[in-house]
Amino acid sequence: MNGSKKEYPQRKRNRLREFDYSNDGYYFITICVDEMVNCFGKVESSDVILNDYGKVIKTILTGLSTKYKCCEIDYYIIMPNHIHFIMIIDNSNKNLTCSVPKIVGAFKSVTTIEIHKMGLENFKWQRSYYDRIIRNESKLFYIRQYIEQNPLRWELEKDNPENLELM
């Protein structure tokens, strides 16, 4: 080496700068399996058929509001290689404060451990996740519709992961 520091590629910032992700509100979250490997089941006739790994994801996702009293999962869909969900954060009158990164991090960690225990030892999530702050009722309606219709678009999107990003 010539003694100079190695330059690393600039990563795209995933979170909105200066925004407090523990603010009360609705958040649209997408988490993808690393390399978009189909791990959670399949889509048949626009219906998602979850396998055992997908069922574990569903159990842990729907149980988040039990573990985190200031979090509620609104709409969600578990696809073969990614999940979409709307998370509602409500930190009012609570002793503990929830934040989107804390909950998503815990979810990714627990699901990875459980799936590894089931024998899929090479399973991992992509490094980060996609989020969108839902700021009004019309966006909430649109995102709920997007989640509901995601299995219908599976054939169009499965080879084009850039379509996973909404709007």
Protein backbone atom coordinates (compact mmCIF):
# COMPACT_ATOMS: atom_id res chain seq x y z
CA MET A 1 0.00 0.00 0.00
CA ASN A 2 1.12 3.53 -0.58
CA GLY A 3 0.30 4.70 2.94
CA SER A 4 -2.90 6.50 2.00
CA LYS A 5 -6.19 5.67 3.64
CA LYS A 6 -8.50 3.37 1.75
CA GLU A 7 -11.57 5.18 0.48
CA TYR A 8 -14.87 3.46 1.06
CA PRO A 9 -17.95 3.99 -1.08
CA GLN A 10 -20.41 6.53 0.25
CA ARG A 11 -23.48 4.75 1.55
CA LYS A 12 -26.92 6.17 0.95
CA ARG A 13 -28.34 7.47 4.21
CA ASN A 14 -31.38 5.37 5.09
CA ARG A 15 -32.96 7.43 7.84
CA LEU A 16 -34.24 10.98 7.56
CA ARG A 17 -31.73 13.37 9.09
CA GLU A 18 -32.81 15.33 12.13
CA PHE A 19 -35.96 13.19 12.58
CA ASP A 20 -36.68 11.52 15.90
CA TYR A 21 -37.92 8.01 15.10
CA SER A 22 -39.40 7.73 18.58
CA ASN A 23 -41.99 10.36 17.65
CA ASP A 24 -45.57 9.14 17.85
CA GLY A 25 -46.89 8.26 14.42
CA TYR A 26 -47.26 5.74 11.65
CA TYR A 27 -44.23 4.27 9.86
CA PHE A 28 -44.12 2.10 6.75
CA ILE A 29 -41.31 -0.45 7.01
CA THR A 30 -39.88 -2.84 4.41
CA ILE A 31 -37.26 -5.42 5.38
CA CYS A 32 -35.68 -7.65 2.72
CA VAL A 33 -33.88 -10.96 2.98
CA ASP A 34 -30.22 -10.71 2.01
CA GLU A 35 -29.79 -11.24 -1.74
CA MET A 36 -33.60 -11.45 -2.01
CA VAL A 37 -33.57 -15.21 -1.31
CA ASN A 38 -37.07 -16.69 -1.06
CA CYS A 39 -37.19 -18.03 2.51
CA PHE A 40 -40.70 -17.45 3.84
CA GLY A 41 -42.95 -19.34 1.42
CA LYS A 42 -44.43 -18.82 -2.01
CA VAL A 43 -47.14 -16.95 -3.85
CA GLU A 44 -49.81 -19.01 -5.58
CA SER A 45 -52.74 -17.41 -7.36
CA SER A 46 -52.01 -14.11 -5.62
CA ASP A 47 -52.08 -15.74 -2.16
CA VAL A 48 -49.03 -15.96 0.05
CA ILE A 49 -48.48 -19.47 1.39
CA LEU A 50 -46.11 -19.20 4.35
CA ASN A 51 -43.70 -22.00 5.16
CA ASP A 52 -42.46 -22.67 8.71
CA TYR A 53 -39.94 -19.80 8.50
CA GLY A 54 -42.64 -17.42 7.31
CA LYS A 55 -44.89 -18.52 10.17
CA VAL A 56 -42.13 -17.71 12.66
CA ILE A 57 -41.75 -14.25 11.07
CA LYS A 58 -45.53 -13.73 11.42
CA THR A 59 -45.58 -14.85 15.06
CA ILE A 60 -42.72 -12.55 16.04
CA LEU A 61 -44.04 -9.60 14.01
CA THR A 62 -47.57 -9.83 15.41
CA GLY A 63 -46.13 -10.28 18.92
CA LEU A 64 -44.15 -7.03 18.87
CA SER A 65 -47.00 -5.10 20.50
CA THR A 66 -46.92 -7.51 23.45
CA LYS A 67 -43.20 -6.98 24.00
CA TYR A 68 -43.27 -3.25 23.18
CA LYS A 69 -46.43 -1.71 24.66
CA CYS A 70 -45.81 1.54 22.75
CA CYS A 71 -45.80 -0.24 19.38
CA GLU A 72 -48.65 -1.63 17.32
CA ILE A 73 -48.48 -3.41 13.97
CA ASP A 74 -51.24 -2.16 11.68
CA TYR A 75 -51.24 -3.74 8.21
CA TYR A 76 -48.56 -6.22 7.17
CA ILE A 77 -47.67 -8.73 4.48
CA ILE A 78 -44.98 -11.38 4.57
CA MET A 79 -43.74 -12.14 1.07
CA PRO A 80 -41.29 -14.93 0.12
CA ASN A 81 -38.25 -12.62 0.37
CA HIS A 82 -39.37 -9.45 2.14
CA ILE A 83 -41.93 -8.03 4.52
CA HIS A 84 -43.93 -4.81 4.58
CA PHE A 85 -45.68 -3.47 7.63
CA ILE A 86 -47.08 -0.33 9.17
CA MET A 87 -45.82 0.30 12.68
CA ILE A 88 -47.65 2.69 14.97
CA ILE A 89 -45.54 4.27 17.70
CA ASP A 90 -47.39 5.73 20.69
CA ASN A 91 -45.08 6.75 23.51
CA SER A 92 -47.72 8.72 25.43
CA ASN A 93 -48.23 7.68 29.06
CA LYS A 94 -45.63 4.94 28.91
CA ASN A 95 -42.65 4.34 31.14
CA LEU A 96 -40.54 3.02 28.25
CA THR A 97 -39.93 4.80 24.98
CA CYS A 98 -40.09 2.91 21.69
CA SER A 99 -38.28 3.89 18.53
CA VAL A 100 -38.45 2.47 15.03
CA PRO A 101 -34.73 1.52 14.86
CA LYS A 102 -34.85 -0.19 18.27
CA ILE A 103 -37.90 -2.30 17.38
CA VAL A 104 -36.76 -3.17 13.85
CA GLY A 105 -33.31 -4.10 15.17
CA ALA A 106 -34.80 -6.34 17.84
CA PHE A 107 -37.17 -7.91 15.30
CA LYS A 108 -34.35 -8.68 12.87
CA SER A 109 -32.18 -10.11 15.65
CA VAL A 110 -34.86 -12.35 17.19
CA THR A 111 -36.12 -13.63 13.82
CA THR A 112 -32.58 -14.43 12.68
CA ILE A 113 -31.88 -16.39 15.86
CA GLU A 114 -35.14 -18.33 15.60
CA ILE A 115 -34.68 -19.16 11.92
CA HIS A 116 -31.11 -20.30 12.58
CA LYS A 117 -32.41 -22.58 15.37
CA MET A 118 -34.83 -24.10 12.84
CA GLY A 119 -31.90 -25.13 10.64
CA LEU A 120 -31.63 -22.33 8.07
CA GLU A 121 -28.20 -21.34 9.34
CA ASN A 122 -27.25 -19.13 6.38
CA PHE A 123 -30.34 -16.92 6.71
CA LYS A 124 -29.76 -13.20 7.11
CA TRP A 125 -31.57 -9.95 6.48
CA GLN A 126 -30.22 -7.19 4.29
CA ARG A 127 -28.06 -4.75 6.21
CA SER A 128 -30.68 -2.05 6.74
CA TYR A 129 -34.37 -1.51 6.02
CA TYR A 130 -36.56 0.93 4.16
CA ASP A 131 -38.82 3.27 6.08
CA ARG A 132 -41.30 5.96 5.26
CA ILE A 133 -42.93 8.31 7.74
CA ILE A 134 -46.67 8.33 7.04
CA ARG A 135 -47.75 11.92 7.43
CA ASN A 136 -51.43 11.94 6.46
CA GLU A 137 -54.54 9.81 5.96
CA SER A 138 -54.27 9.68 2.16
CA LYS A 139 -50.71 8.27 2.36
CA LEU A 140 -51.86 5.80 5.03
CA PHE A 141 -54.70 4.64 2.77
CA TYR A 142 -52.34 4.29 -0.21
CA ILE A 143 -49.75 2.32 1.77
CA ARG A 144 -52.38 -0.01 3.25
CA GLN A 145 -53.61 -0.66 -0.29
CA TYR A 146 -50.02 -1.26 -1.45
CA ILE A 147 -49.51 -3.83 1.32
CA GLU A 148 -52.79 -5.61 0.57
CA GLN A 149 -52.06 -5.77 -3.16
CA ASN A 150 -48.43 -6.83 -2.84
CA PRO A 151 -49.11 -10.52 -3.60
CA LEU A 152 -50.93 -9.47 -6.78
CA ARG A 153 -47.78 -7.74 -8.01
CA TRP A 154 -45.42 -10.59 -7.07
CA GLU A 155 -44.79 -11.77 -10.62
CA LEU A 156 -43.96 -8.22 -11.71
CA GLU A 157 -41.77 -7.33 -8.72
CA LYS A 158 -39.93 -10.51 -7.83
CA ASP A 159 -37.16 -9.88 -10.36
CA ASN A 160 -37.17 -6.11 -9.90
CA PRO A 161 -36.46 -5.38 -6.22
CA GLU A 162 -36.24 -1.66 -6.94
CA ASN A 163 -40.04 -1.79 -7.31
CA LEU A 164 -40.29 -2.62 -3.62
CA GLU A 165 -39.73 1.01 -2.84
CA LEU A 166 -43.08 2.70 -2.81
CA MET A 167 -43.78 5.98 -4.60
